[in-house]
Amino acid sequence: IGDRLKDFLMKHPVGRDLLADAQYDESDVHWRKNLAYYSTTF
C-alpha cells in the first residue's frame, strides 16, 4: 500500500518535487474504503 501511495503521488509534478527522497513509515500505513457513513439516530 505504501509503495502504491508513493507511486501514485509521484505521477503528479508537485508530488515528484516533494517525495523523491521521502520514506514512509512501514508500521504506519493505512487503507480504508467507503469512508462516508452516518447513523440514522444520534
PDB file of all heavy atoms in Angstrom:
ATOM      1  N   ILE A   1       0.838  -1.206   0.000  1.00  0.00           N
ATOM      2  CA  ILE A   1       0.000   0.000   0.000  1.00  0.00           C
ATOM      3  C   ILE A   1       0.871   1.253   0.000  1.00  0.00           C
ATOM      4  O   ILE A   1       0.604   2.214  -0.730  1.00  0.00           O
ATOM      5  CB  ILE A   1      -0.954  -0.007   1.211  1.00  0.00           C
ATOM      6  CG1 ILE A   1      -1.975  -1.127   1.079  1.00  0.00           C
ATOM      7  CG2 ILE A   1      -1.670   1.342   1.340  1.00  0.00           C
ATOM      8  CD1 ILE A   1      -2.851  -1.311   2.299  1.00  0.00           C
ATOM      9  N   GLY A   2       1.928   1.266   0.825  1.00  0.00           N
ATOM     10  CA  GLY A   2       2.812   2.430   0.881  1.00  0.00           C
ATOM     11  C   GLY A   2       3.495   2.701  -0.439  1.00  0.00           C
ATOM     12  O   GLY A   2       3.634   3.863  -0.856  1.00  0.00           O
ATOM     13  N   ASP A   3       3.932   1.652  -1.140  1.00  0.00           N
ATOM     14  CA  ASP A   3       4.561   1.836  -2.445  1.00  0.00           C
ATOM     15  C   ASP A   3       3.554   2.353  -3.458  1.00  0.00           C
ATOM     16  O   ASP A   3       3.866   3.214  -4.293  1.00  0.00           O
ATOM     17  CB  ASP A   3       5.155   0.509  -2.932  1.00  0.00           C
ATOM     18  CG  ASP A   3       6.354   0.057  -2.108  1.00  0.00           C
ATOM     19  OD1 ASP A   3       6.933   0.907  -1.392  1.00  0.00           O
ATOM     20  OD2 ASP A   3       6.685  -1.141  -2.162  1.00  0.00           O
ATOM     21  N   ARG A   4       2.340   1.806  -3.409  1.00  0.00           N
ATOM     22  CA  ARG A   4       1.299   2.282  -4.329  1.00  0.00           C
ATOM     23  C   ARG A   4       0.981   3.753  -4.079  1.00  0.00           C
ATOM     24  O   ARG A   4       0.777   4.531  -5.013  1.00  0.00           O
ATOM     25  CB  ARG A   4       0.035   1.446  -4.169  1.00  0.00           C
ATOM     26  CG  ARG A   4       0.105   0.078  -4.824  1.00  0.00           C
ATOM     27  CD  ARG A   4      -1.204  -0.664  -4.701  1.00  0.00           C
ATOM     28  NE  ARG A   4      -1.264  -1.471  -3.496  1.00  0.00           N
ATOM     29  CZ  ARG A   4      -2.377  -1.984  -3.000  1.00  0.00           C
ATOM     30  NH1 ARG A   4      -3.534  -1.746  -3.582  1.00  0.00           N
ATOM     31  NH2 ARG A   4      -2.347  -2.727  -1.914  1.00  0.00           N
ATOM     32  N   LEU A   5       0.948   4.132  -2.806  1.00  0.00           N
ATOM     33  CA  LEU A   5       0.677   5.521  -2.453  1.00  0.00           C
ATOM     34  C   LEU A   5       1.767   6.438  -3.006  1.00  0.00           C
ATOM     35  O   LEU A   5       1.473   7.477  -3.619  1.00  0.00           O
ATOM     36  CB  LEU A   5       0.597   5.641  -0.929  1.00  0.00           C
ATOM     37  CG  LEU A   5       0.449   7.038  -0.327  1.00  0.00           C
ATOM     38  CD1 LEU A   5      -0.809   7.723  -0.841  1.00  0.00           C
ATOM     39  CD2 LEU A   5       0.426   6.956   1.204  1.00  0.00           C
ATOM     40  N   LYS A   6       3.034   6.049  -2.811  1.00  0.00           N
ATOM     41  CA  LYS A   6       4.127   6.894  -3.311  1.00  0.00           C
ATOM     42  C   LYS A   6       4.122   6.941  -4.830  1.00  0.00           C
ATOM     43  O   LYS A   6       4.272   8.027  -5.429  1.00  0.00           O
ATOM     44  CB  LYS A   6       5.463   6.383  -2.794  1.00  0.00           C
ATOM     45  CG  LYS A   6       6.635   7.282  -3.194  1.00  0.00           C
ATOM     46  CD  LYS A   6       7.934   6.894  -2.513  1.00  0.00           C
ATOM     47  CE  LYS A   6       9.033   7.878  -2.876  1.00  0.00           C
ATOM     48  NZ  LYS A   6      10.314   7.572  -2.187  1.00  0.00           N
ATOM     49  N   ASP A   7       3.956   5.803  -5.479  1.00  0.00           N
ATOM     50  CA  ASP A   7       3.946   5.784  -6.945  1.00  0.00           C
ATOM     51  C   ASP A   7       2.827   6.651  -7.499  1.00  0.00           C
ATOM     52  O   ASP A   7       3.007   7.361  -8.506  1.00  0.00           O
ATOM     53  CB  ASP A   7       3.786   4.345  -7.447  1.00  0.00           C
ATOM     54  CG  ASP A   7       5.015   3.478  -7.182  1.00  0.00           C
ATOM     55  OD1 ASP A   7       6.075   4.043  -6.866  1.00  0.00           O
ATOM     56  OD2 ASP A   7       4.885   2.241  -7.278  1.00  0.00           O
ATOM     57  N   PHE A   8       1.662   6.582  -6.860  1.00  0.00           N
ATOM     58  CA  PHE A   8       0.518   7.388  -7.310  1.00  0.00           C
ATOM     59  C   PHE A   8       0.849   8.878  -7.221  1.00  0.00           C
ATOM     60  O   PHE A   8       0.620   9.635  -8.167  1.00  0.00           O
ATOM     61  CB  PHE A   8      -0.699   7.055  -6.450  1.00  0.00           C
ATOM     62  CG  PHE A   8      -1.974   7.714  -6.893  1.00  0.00           C
ATOM     63  CD1 PHE A   8      -2.811   7.101  -7.803  1.00  0.00           C
ATOM     64  CD2 PHE A   8      -2.335   8.962  -6.379  1.00  0.00           C
ATOM     65  CE1 PHE A   8      -3.993   7.720  -8.215  1.00  0.00           C
ATOM     66  CE2 PHE A   8      -3.516   9.577  -6.787  1.00  0.00           C
ATOM     67  CZ  PHE A   8      -4.346   8.957  -7.712  1.00  0.00           C
ATOM     68  N   LEU A   9       1.400   9.314  -6.094  1.00  0.00           N
ATOM     69  CA  LEU A   9       1.697  10.735  -5.890  1.00  0.00           C
ATOM     70  C   LEU A   9       2.865  11.207  -6.751  1.00  0.00           C
ATOM     71  O   LEU A   9       2.913  12.370  -7.155  1.00  0.00           O
ATOM     72  CB  LEU A   9       1.989  11.000  -4.420  1.00  0.00           C
ATOM     73  CG  LEU A   9       0.772  10.941  -3.494  1.00  0.00           C
ATOM     74  CD1 LEU A   9       1.193  10.939  -2.026  1.00  0.00           C
ATOM     75  CD2 LEU A   9      -0.164  12.120  -3.768  1.00  0.00           C
ATOM     76  N   MET A  10       3.797  10.329  -7.049  1.00  0.00           N
ATOM     77  CA  MET A  10       4.950  10.714  -7.863  1.00  0.00           C
ATOM     78  C   MET A  10       4.568  10.996  -9.317  1.00  0.00           C
ATOM     79  O   MET A  10       5.355  11.579 -10.070  1.00  0.00           O
ATOM     80  CB  MET A  10       6.013   9.618  -7.798  1.00  0.00           C
ATOM     81  CG  MET A  10       6.732   9.514  -6.458  1.00  0.00           C
ATOM     82  SD  MET A  10       7.923  10.835  -6.170  1.00  0.00           S
ATOM     83  CE  MET A  10       9.252  10.306  -7.257  1.00  0.00           C
ATOM     84  N   LYS A  11       3.368  10.612  -9.717  1.00  0.00           N
ATOM     85  CA  LYS A  11       2.910  10.942 -11.067  1.00  0.00           C
ATOM     86  C   LYS A  11       2.494  12.401 -11.183  1.00  0.00           C
ATOM     87  O   LYS A  11       2.337  12.916 -12.300  1.00  0.00           O
ATOM     88  CB  LYS A  11       1.751  10.024 -11.453  1.00  0.00           C
ATOM     89  CG  LYS A  11       2.160   8.567 -11.599  1.00  0.00           C
ATOM     90  CD  LYS A  11       0.954   7.683 -11.904  1.00  0.00           C
ATOM     91  CE  LYS A  11       1.377   6.213 -11.998  1.00  0.00           C
ATOM     92  NZ  LYS A  11       0.210   5.321 -12.246  1.00  0.00           N
ATOM     93  N   HIS A  12       2.275  13.049 -10.057  1.00  0.00           N
ATOM     94  CA  HIS A  12       1.929  14.476 -10.042  1.00  0.00           C
ATOM     95  C   HIS A  12       3.230  15.274  -9.902  1.00  0.00           C
ATOM     96  O   HIS A  12       4.075  14.941  -9.066  1.00  0.00           O
ATOM     97  CB  HIS A  12       1.000  14.764  -8.861  1.00  0.00           C
ATOM     98  CG  HIS A  12       0.306  16.078  -8.913  1.00  0.00           C
ATOM     99  ND1 HIS A  12       0.959  17.281  -8.743  1.00  0.00           N
ATOM    100  CD2 HIS A  12      -1.005  16.393  -9.115  1.00  0.00           C
ATOM    101  CE1 HIS A  12       0.086  18.277  -8.821  1.00  0.00           C
ATOM    102  NE2 HIS A  12      -1.110  17.771  -9.057  1.00  0.00           N
ATOM    103  N   PRO A  13       3.436  16.321 -10.672  1.00  0.00           N
ATOM    104  CA  PRO A  13       4.708  17.047 -10.610  1.00  0.00           C
ATOM    105  C   PRO A  13       5.028  17.629  -9.237  1.00  0.00           C
ATOM    106  O   PRO A  13       6.199  17.707  -8.856  1.00  0.00           O
ATOM    107  CB  PRO A  13       4.552  18.142 -11.667  1.00  0.00           C
ATOM    108  CG  PRO A  13       3.088  18.205 -11.967  1.00  0.00           C
ATOM    109  CD  PRO A  13       2.548  16.850 -11.720  1.00  0.00           C
ATOM    110  N   VAL A  14       4.010  18.046  -8.494  1.00  0.00           N
ATOM    111  CA  VAL A  14       4.265  18.541  -7.142  1.00  0.00           C
ATOM    112  C   VAL A  14       4.708  17.388  -6.243  1.00  0.00           C
ATOM    113  O   VAL A  14       5.641  17.520  -5.447  1.00  0.00           O
ATOM    114  CB  VAL A  14       3.013  19.241  -6.577  1.00  0.00           C
ATOM    115  CG1 VAL A  14       3.256  19.686  -5.139  1.00  0.00           C
ATOM    116  CG2 VAL A  14       2.626  20.436  -7.451  1.00  0.00           C
ATOM    117  N   GLY A  15       4.055  16.255  -6.380  1.00  0.00           N
ATOM    118  CA  GLY A  15       4.450  15.079  -5.617  1.00  0.00           C
ATOM    119  C   GLY A  15       5.880  14.665  -5.916  1.00  0.00           C
ATOM    120  O   GLY A  15       6.645  14.290  -5.013  1.00  0.00           O
ATOM    121  N   ARG A  16       6.275  14.726  -7.193  1.00  0.00           N
ATOM    122  CA  ARG A  16       7.651  14.362  -7.553  1.00  0.00           C
ATOM    123  C   ARG A  16       8.664  15.275  -6.891  1.00  0.00           C
ATOM    124  O   ARG A  16       9.707  14.835  -6.407  1.00  0.00           O
ATOM    125  CB  ARG A  16       7.820  14.410  -9.074  1.00  0.00           C
ATOM    126  CG  ARG A  16       7.202  13.239  -9.794  1.00  0.00           C
ATOM    127  CD  ARG A  16       7.758  13.130 -11.214  1.00  0.00           C
ATOM    128  NE  ARG A  16       7.472  14.307 -12.025  1.00  0.00           N
ATOM    129  CZ  ARG A  16       6.365  14.466 -12.742  1.00  0.00           C
ATOM    130  NH1 ARG A  16       5.425  13.528 -12.721  1.00  0.00           N
ATOM    131  NH2 ARG A  16       6.188  15.550 -13.471  1.00  0.00           N
ATOM    132  N   ASP A  17       8.381  16.575  -6.873  1.00  0.00           N
ATOM    133  CA  ASP A  17       9.320  17.514  -6.259  1.00  0.00           C
ATOM    134  C   ASP A  17       9.477  17.277  -4.763  1.00  0.00           C
ATOM    135  O   ASP A  17      10.544  17.508  -4.200  1.00  0.00           O
ATOM    136  CB  ASP A  17       8.860  18.952  -6.510  1.00  0.00           C
ATOM    137  CG  ASP A  17       9.449  19.544  -7.788  1.00  0.00           C
ATOM    138  OD1 ASP A  17      10.580  19.149  -8.143  1.00  0.00           O
ATOM    139  OD2 ASP A  17       8.793  20.377  -8.421  1.00  0.00           O
ATOM    140  N   LEU A  18       8.420  16.822  -4.107  1.00  0.00           N
ATOM    141  CA  LEU A  18       8.429  16.740  -2.650  1.00  0.00           C
ATOM    142  C   LEU A  18       8.785  15.360  -2.110  1.00  0.00           C
ATOM    143  O   LEU A  18       9.388  15.239  -1.038  1.00  0.00           O
ATOM    144  CB  LEU A  18       7.061  17.155  -2.107  1.00  0.00           C
ATOM    145  CG  LEU A  18       6.672  18.611  -2.359  1.00  0.00           C
ATOM    146  CD1 LEU A  18       5.212  18.819  -2.031  1.00  0.00           C
ATOM    147  CD2 LEU A  18       7.531  19.552  -1.539  1.00  0.00           C
ATOM    148  N   LEU A  19       8.415  14.303  -2.829  1.00  0.00           N
ATOM    149  CA  LEU A  19       8.524  12.946  -2.286  1.00  0.00           C
ATOM    150  C   LEU A  19       9.705  12.146  -2.817  1.00  0.00           C
ATOM    151  O   LEU A  19       9.897  11.000  -2.402  1.00  0.00           O
ATOM    152  CB  LEU A  19       7.251  12.153  -2.586  1.00  0.00           C
ATOM    153  CG  LEU A  19       6.040  12.335  -1.677  1.00  0.00           C
ATOM    154  CD1 LEU A  19       4.954  11.342  -2.073  1.00  0.00           C
ATOM    155  CD2 LEU A  19       6.383  12.156  -0.211  1.00  0.00           C
ATOM    156  N   ALA A  20      10.492  12.720  -3.702  1.00  0.00           N
ATOM    157  CA  ALA A  20      11.541  11.949  -4.379  1.00  0.00           C
ATOM    158  C   ALA A  20      12.431  11.191  -3.402  1.00  0.00           C
ATOM    159  O   ALA A  20      12.769  10.020  -3.625  1.00  0.00           O
ATOM    160  CB  ALA A  20      12.378  12.874  -5.255  1.00  0.00           C
ATOM    161  N   ASP A  21      12.820  11.822  -2.293  1.00  0.00           N
ATOM    162  CA  ASP A  21      13.731  11.194  -1.330  1.00  0.00           C
ATOM    163  C   ASP A  21      13.032  10.790  -0.040  1.00  0.00           C
ATOM    164  O   ASP A  21      13.696  10.442   0.938  1.00  0.00           O
ATOM    165  CB  ASP A  21      14.882  12.154  -1.003  1.00  0.00           C
ATOM    166  CG  ASP A  21      15.662  12.577  -2.247  1.00  0.00           C
ATOM    167  OD1 ASP A  21      15.891  11.691  -3.105  1.00  0.00           O
ATOM    168  OD2 ASP A  21      16.001  13.759  -2.366  1.00  0.00           O
ATOM    169  N   ALA A  22      11.711  10.840  -0.024  1.00  0.00           N
ATOM    170  CA  ALA A  22      10.964  10.575   1.211  1.00  0.00           C
ATOM    171  C   ALA A  22      10.733   9.081   1.406  1.00  0.00           C
ATOM    172  O   ALA A  22      10.650   8.311   0.451  1.00  0.00           O
ATOM    173  CB  ALA A  22       9.632  11.312   1.179  1.00  0.00           C
ATOM    174  N   GLN A  23      10.605   8.702   2.677  1.00  0.00           N
ATOM    175  CA  GLN A  23      10.316   7.322   3.043  1.00  0.00           C
ATOM    176  C   GLN A  23       9.106   7.287   3.964  1.00  0.00           C
ATOM    177  O   GLN A  23       9.026   8.069   4.907  1.00  0.00           O
ATOM    178  CB  GLN A  23      11.518   6.690   3.742  1.00  0.00           C
ATOM    179  CG  GLN A  23      12.763   6.593   2.870  1.00  0.00           C
ATOM    180  CD  GLN A  23      12.597   5.628   1.710  1.00  0.00           C
ATOM    181  OE1 GLN A  23      11.926   4.599   1.855  1.00  0.00           O
ATOM    182  NE2 GLN A  23      13.189   5.962   0.558  1.00  0.00           N
ATOM    183  N   TYR A  24       8.191   6.374   3.694  1.00  0.00           N
ATOM    184  CA  TYR A  24       7.032   6.231   4.566  1.00  0.00           C
ATOM    185  C   TYR A  24       7.350   5.271   5.702  1.00  0.00           C
ATOM    186  O   TYR A  24       8.229   4.410   5.589  1.00  0.00           O
ATOM    187  CB  TYR A  24       5.802   5.772   3.790  1.00  0.00           C
ATOM    188  CG  TYR A  24       5.933   4.425   3.112  1.00  0.00           C
ATOM    189  CD1 TYR A  24       5.679   3.238   3.804  1.00  0.00           C
ATOM    190  CD2 TYR A  24       6.285   4.337   1.768  1.00  0.00           C
ATOM    191  CE1 TYR A  24       5.789   2.006   3.188  1.00  0.00           C
ATOM    192  CE2 TYR A  24       6.400   3.102   1.140  1.00  0.00           C
ATOM    193  CZ  TYR A  24       6.154   1.939   1.851  1.00  0.00           C
ATOM    194  OH  TYR A  24       6.264   0.719   1.248  1.00  0.00           O
ATOM    195  N   ASP A  25       6.645   5.421   6.799  1.00  0.00           N
ATOM    196  CA  ASP A  25       6.785   4.547   7.957  1.00  0.00           C
ATOM    197  C   ASP A  25       6.011   3.257   7.687  1.00  0.00           C
ATOM    198  O   ASP A  25       4.786   3.267   7.652  1.00  0.00           O
ATOM    199  CB  ASP A  25       6.257   5.256   9.206  1.00  0.00           C
ATOM    200  CG  ASP A  25       6.394   4.431  10.475  1.00  0.00           C
ATOM    201  OD1 ASP A  25       6.710   3.226  10.388  1.00  0.00           O
ATOM    202  OD2 ASP A  25       6.158   4.988  11.565  1.00  0.00           O
ATOM    203  N   GLU A  26       6.717   2.162   7.484  1.00  0.00           N
ATOM    204  CA  GLU A  26       6.069   0.913   7.101  1.00  0.00           C
ATOM    205  C   GLU A  26       5.138   0.372   8.185  1.00  0.00           C
ATOM    206  O   GLU A  26       4.249  -0.428   7.888  1.00  0.00           O
ATOM    207  CB  GLU A  26       7.127  -0.135   6.741  1.00  0.00           C
ATOM    208  CG  GLU A  26       7.897   0.221   5.481  1.00  0.00           C
ATOM    209  CD  GLU A  26       8.734  -0.939   4.979  1.00  0.00           C
ATOM    210  OE1 GLU A  26       8.526  -2.078   5.446  1.00  0.00           O
ATOM    211  OE2 GLU A  26       9.589  -0.706   4.105  1.00  0.00           O
ATOM    212  N   SER A  27       5.327   0.815   9.426  1.00  0.00           N
ATOM    213  CA  SER A  27       4.440   0.372  10.511  1.00  0.00           C
ATOM    214  C   SER A  27       3.216   1.263  10.660  1.00  0.00           C
ATOM    215  O   SER A  27       2.378   1.030  11.532  1.00  0.00           O
ATOM    216  CB  SER A  27       5.211   0.348  11.835  1.00  0.00           C
ATOM    217  OG  SER A  27       5.577   1.670  12.229  1.00  0.00           O
ATOM    218  N   ASP A  28       3.119   2.274   9.813  1.00  0.00           N
ATOM    219  CA  ASP A  28       2.061   3.279   9.951  1.00  0.00           C
ATOM    220  C   ASP A  28       1.460   3.579   8.576  1.00  0.00           C
ATOM    221  O   ASP A  28       1.399   4.724   8.147  1.00  0.00           O
ATOM    222  CB  ASP A  28       2.658   4.541  10.594  1.00  0.00           C
ATOM    223  CG  ASP A  28       1.608   5.577  10.973  1.00  0.00           C
ATOM    224  OD1 ASP A  28       0.409   5.226  11.006  1.00  0.00           O
ATOM    225  OD2 ASP A  28       1.987   6.733  11.227  1.00  0.00           O
ATOM    226  N   VAL A  29       1.050   2.529   7.881  1.00  0.00           N
ATOM    227  CA  VAL A  29       0.427   2.655   6.563  1.00  0.00           C
ATOM    228  C   VAL A  29      -1.008   2.142   6.668  1.00  0.00           C
ATOM    229  O   VAL A  29      -1.256   1.090   7.261  1.00  0.00           O
ATOM    230  CB  VAL A  29       1.197   1.854   5.492  1.00  0.00           C
ATOM    231  CG1 VAL A  29       0.519   1.985   4.132  1.00  0.00           C
ATOM    232  CG2 VAL A  29       2.642   2.315   5.413  1.00  0.00           C
ATOM    233  N   HIS A  30      -1.954   2.882   6.073  1.00  0.00           N
ATOM    234  CA  HIS A  30      -3.368   2.556   6.271  1.00  0.00           C
ATOM    235  C   HIS A  30      -4.138   2.652   4.959  1.00  0.00           C
ATOM    236  O   HIS A  30      -3.787   3.413   4.062  1.00  0.00           O
ATOM    237  CB  HIS A  30      -3.985   3.511   7.299  1.00  0.00           C
ATOM    238  CG  HIS A  30      -3.218   3.565   8.576  1.00  0.00           C
ATOM    239  ND1 HIS A  30      -3.432   2.697   9.619  1.00  0.00           N
ATOM    240  CD2 HIS A  30      -2.194   4.397   8.967  1.00  0.00           C
ATOM    241  CE1 HIS A  30      -2.602   2.977  10.610  1.00  0.00           C
ATOM    242  NE2 HIS A  30      -1.844   3.999  10.242  1.00  0.00           N
ATOM    243  N   TRP A  31      -5.219   1.896   4.898  1.00  0.00           N
ATOM    244  CA  TRP A  31      -6.102   1.866   3.725  1.00  0.00           C
ATOM    245  C   TRP A  31      -7.534   1.677   4.215  1.00  0.00           C
ATOM    246  O   TRP A  31      -7.783   0.880   5.120  1.00  0.00           O
ATOM    247  CB  TRP A  31      -5.698   0.721   2.806  1.00  0.00           C
ATOM    248  CG  TRP A  31      -6.745   0.323   1.807  1.00  0.00           C
ATOM    249  CD1 TRP A  31      -7.610  -0.736   1.885  1.00  0.00           C
ATOM    250  CD2 TRP A  31      -7.033   0.969   0.568  1.00  0.00           C
ATOM    251  NE1 TRP A  31      -8.428  -0.784   0.779  1.00  0.00           N
ATOM    252  CE2 TRP A  31      -8.090   0.251  -0.046  1.00  0.00           C
ATOM    253  CE3 TRP A  31      -6.507   2.096  -0.072  1.00  0.00           C
ATOM    254  CZ2 TRP A  31      -8.624   0.620  -1.275  1.00  0.00           C
ATOM    255  CZ3 TRP A  31      -7.045   2.463  -1.298  1.00  0.00           C
ATOM    256  CH2 TRP A  31      -8.081   1.736  -1.899  1.00  0.00           C
ATOM    257  N   ARG A  32      -8.453   2.435   3.648  1.00  0.00           N
ATOM    258  CA  ARG A  32      -9.852   2.284   4.027  1.00  0.00           C
ATOM    259  C   ARG A  32     -10.733   2.624   2.821  1.00  0.00           C
ATOM    260  O   ARG A  32     -10.506   3.626   2.129  1.00  0.00           O
ATOM    261  CB  ARG A  32     -10.200   3.196   5.201  1.00  0.00           C
ATOM    262  CG  ARG A  32     -11.591   2.959   5.785  1.00  0.00           C
ATOM    263  CD  ARG A  32     -11.843   3.864   6.977  1.00  0.00           C
ATOM    264  NE  ARG A  32     -10.884   3.595   8.032  1.00  0.00           N
ATOM    265  CZ  ARG A  32     -10.577   4.474   8.994  1.00  0.00           C
ATOM    266  NH1 ARG A  32     -11.158   5.654   9.015  1.00  0.00           N
ATOM    267  NH2 ARG A  32      -9.695   4.156   9.919  1.00  0.00           N
ATOM    268  N   LYS A  33     -11.750   1.797   2.596  1.00  0.00           N
ATOM    269  CA  LYS A  33     -12.708   2.039   1.517  1.00  0.00           C
ATOM    270  C   LYS A  33     -14.028   2.536   2.085  1.00  0.00           C
ATOM    271  O   LYS A  33     -14.335   2.315   3.250  1.00  0.00           O
ATOM    272  CB  LYS A  33     -12.958   0.744   0.730  1.00  0.00           C
ATOM    273  CG  LYS A  33     -11.792   0.279  -0.128  1.00  0.00           C
ATOM    274  CD  LYS A  33     -12.156  -0.955  -0.937  1.00  0.00           C
ATOM    275  CE  LYS A  33     -13.205  -0.642  -1.990  1.00  0.00           C
ATOM    276  NZ  LYS A  33     -13.472  -1.789  -2.878  1.00  0.00           N
ATOM    277  N   ASN A  34     -14.797   3.184   1.216  1.00  0.00           N
ATOM    278  CA  ASN A  34     -16.156   3.616   1.556  1.00  0.00           C
ATOM    279  C   ASN A  34     -16.164   4.381   2.881  1.00  0.00           C
ATOM    280  O   ASN A  34     -16.743   3.947   3.880  1.00  0.00           O
ATOM    281  CB  ASN A  34     -17.084   2.403   1.605  1.00  0.00           C
ATOM    282  CG  ASN A  34     -17.059   1.622   0.304  1.00  0.00           C
ATOM    283  OD1 ASN A  34     -16.972   2.199  -0.775  1.00  0.00           O
ATOM    284  ND2 ASN A  34     -17.119   0.303   0.391  1.00  0.00           N
ATOM    285  N   LEU A  35     -15.520   5.540   2.845  1.00  0.00           N
ATOM    286  CA  LEU A  35     -15.276   6.309   4.059  1.00  0.00           C
ATOM    287  C   LEU A  35     -16.546   6.885   4.674  1.00  0.00           C
ATOM    288  O   LEU A  35     -16.655   6.973   5.896  1.00  0.00           O
ATOM    289  CB  LEU A  35     -14.323   7.474   3.748  1.00  0.00           C
ATOM    290  CG  LEU A  35     -12.961   7.130   3.143  1.00  0.00           C
ATOM    291  CD1 LEU A  35     -12.187   8.408   2.870  1.00  0.00           C
ATOM    292  CD2 LEU A  35     -12.173   6.215   4.060  1.00  0.00           C
ATOM    293  N   ALA A  36     -17.494   7.295   3.842  1.00  0.00           N
ATOM    294  CA  ALA A  36     -18.628   8.074   4.335  1.00  0.00           C
ATOM    295  C   ALA A  36     -19.736   7.180   4.876  1.00  0.00           C
ATOM    296  O   ALA A  36     -20.139   6.205   4.241  1.00  0.00           O
ATOM    297  CB  ALA A  36     -19.180   8.961   3.217  1.00  0.00           C
ATOM    298  N   TYR A  37     -20.232   7.524   6.059  1.00  0.00           N
ATOM    299  CA  TYR A  37     -21.329   6.776   6.684  1.00  0.00           C
ATOM    300  C   TYR A  37     -22.025   7.703   7.675  1.00  0.00           C
ATOM    301  O   TYR A  37     -21.549   8.803   7.985  1.00  0.00           O
ATOM    302  CB  TYR A  37     -20.799   5.524   7.407  1.00  0.00           C
ATOM    303  CG  TYR A  37     -19.850   5.848   8.530  1.00  0.00           C
ATOM    304  CD1 TYR A  37     -20.303   6.112   9.811  1.00  0.00           C
ATOM    305  CD2 TYR A  37     -18.475   5.901   8.298  1.00  0.00           C
ATOM    306  CE1 TYR A  37     -19.422   6.440  10.835  1.00  0.00           C
ATOM    307  CE2 TYR A  37     -17.591   6.222   9.313  1.00  0.00           C
ATOM    308  CZ  TYR A  37     -18.072   6.490  10.582  1.00  0.00           C
ATOM    309  OH  TYR A  37     -17.209   6.818  11.585  1.00  0.00           O
ATOM    310  N   TYR A  38     -23.142   7.231   8.221  1.00  0.00           N
ATOM    311  CA  TYR A  38     -23.869   8.015   9.214  1.00  0.00           C
ATOM    312  C   TYR A  38     -24.787   7.091   9.993  1.00  0.00           C
ATOM    313  O   TYR A  38     -25.118   5.989   9.555  1.00  0.00           O
ATOM    314  CB  TYR A  38     -24.692   9.127   8.542  1.00  0.00           C
ATOM    315  CG  TYR A  38     -25.706   8.616   7.553  1.00  0.00           C
ATOM    316  CD1 TYR A  38     -27.034   8.387   7.925  1.00  0.00           C
ATOM    317  CD2 TYR A  38     -25.327   8.346   6.237  1.00  0.00           C
ATOM    318  CE1 TYR A  38     -27.956   7.902   7.008  1.00  0.00           C
ATOM    319  CE2 TYR A  38     -26.244   7.858   5.316  1.00  0.00           C
ATOM    320  CZ  TYR A  38     -27.562   7.637   5.707  1.00  0.00           C
ATOM    321  OH  TYR A  38     -28.476   7.145   4.805  1.00  0.00           O
ATOM    322  N   SER A  39     -25.187   7.554  11.159  1.00  0.00           N
ATOM    323  CA  SER A  39     -26.204   6.865  11.944  1.00  0.00           C
ATOM    324  C   SER A  39     -27.539   7.561  11.718  1.00  0.00           C
ATOM    325  O   SER A  39     -27.591   8.792  11.641  1.00  0.00           O
ATOM    326  CB  SER A  39     -25.851   6.886  13.430  1.00  0.00           C
ATOM    327  OG  SER A  39     -26.908   6.326  14.201  1.00  0.00           O
ATOM    328  N   THR A  40     -28.594   6.782  11.632  1.00  0.00           N
ATOM    329  CA  THR A  40     -29.923   7.376  11.472  1.00  0.00           C
ATOM    330  C   THR A  40     -30.480   7.880  12.801  1.00  0.00           C
ATOM    331  O   THR A  40     -31.496   8.579  12.814  1.00  0.00           O
ATOM    332  CB  THR A  40     -30.897   6.352  10.871  1.00  0.00           C
ATOM    333  OG1 THR A  40     -30.932   5.183  11.713  1.00  0.00           O
ATOM    334  CG2 THR A  40     -30.461   5.944   9.471  1.00  0.00           C
ATOM    335  N   THR A  41     -29.832   7.533  13.912  1.00  0.00           N
ATOM    336  CA  THR A  41     -30.226   8.010  15.239  1.00  0.00           C
ATOM    337  C   THR A  41     -28.982   8.510  15.957  1.00  0.00           C
ATOM    338  O   THR A  41     -27.932   7.864  15.906  1.00  0.00           O
ATOM    339  CB  THR A  41     -30.879   6.879  16.061  1.00  0.00           C
ATOM    340  OG1 THR A  41     -32.040   6.409  15.359  1.00  0.00           O
ATOM    341  CG2 THR A  41     -31.276   7.367  17.448  1.00  0.00           C
ATOM    342  N   PHE A  42     -29.101   9.657  16.610  1.00  0.00           N
ATOM    343  CA  PHE A  42     -27.956  10.273  17.276  1.00  0.00           C
ATOM    344  C   PHE A  42     -28.074  10.251  18.799  1.00  0.00           C
ATOM    345  O   PHE A  42     -27.062  10.367  19.492  1.00  0.00           O
ATOM    346  CB  PHE A  42     -27.787  11.718  16.796  1.00  0.00           C
ATOM    347  CG  PHE A  42     -27.457  11.823  15.331  1.00  0.00           C
ATOM    348  CD1 PHE A  42     -28.456  11.917  14.375  1.00  0.00           C
ATOM    349  CD2 PHE A  42     -26.144  11.812  14.906  1.00  0.00           C
ATOM    350  CE1 PHE A  42     -28.159  11.991  13.020  1.00  0.00           C
ATOM    351  CE2 PHE A  42     -25.818  11.894  13.557  1.00  0.00           C
ATOM    352  CZ  PHE A  42     -26.834  11.978  12.614  1.00  0.00           C
TER     353      PHE A  42
END
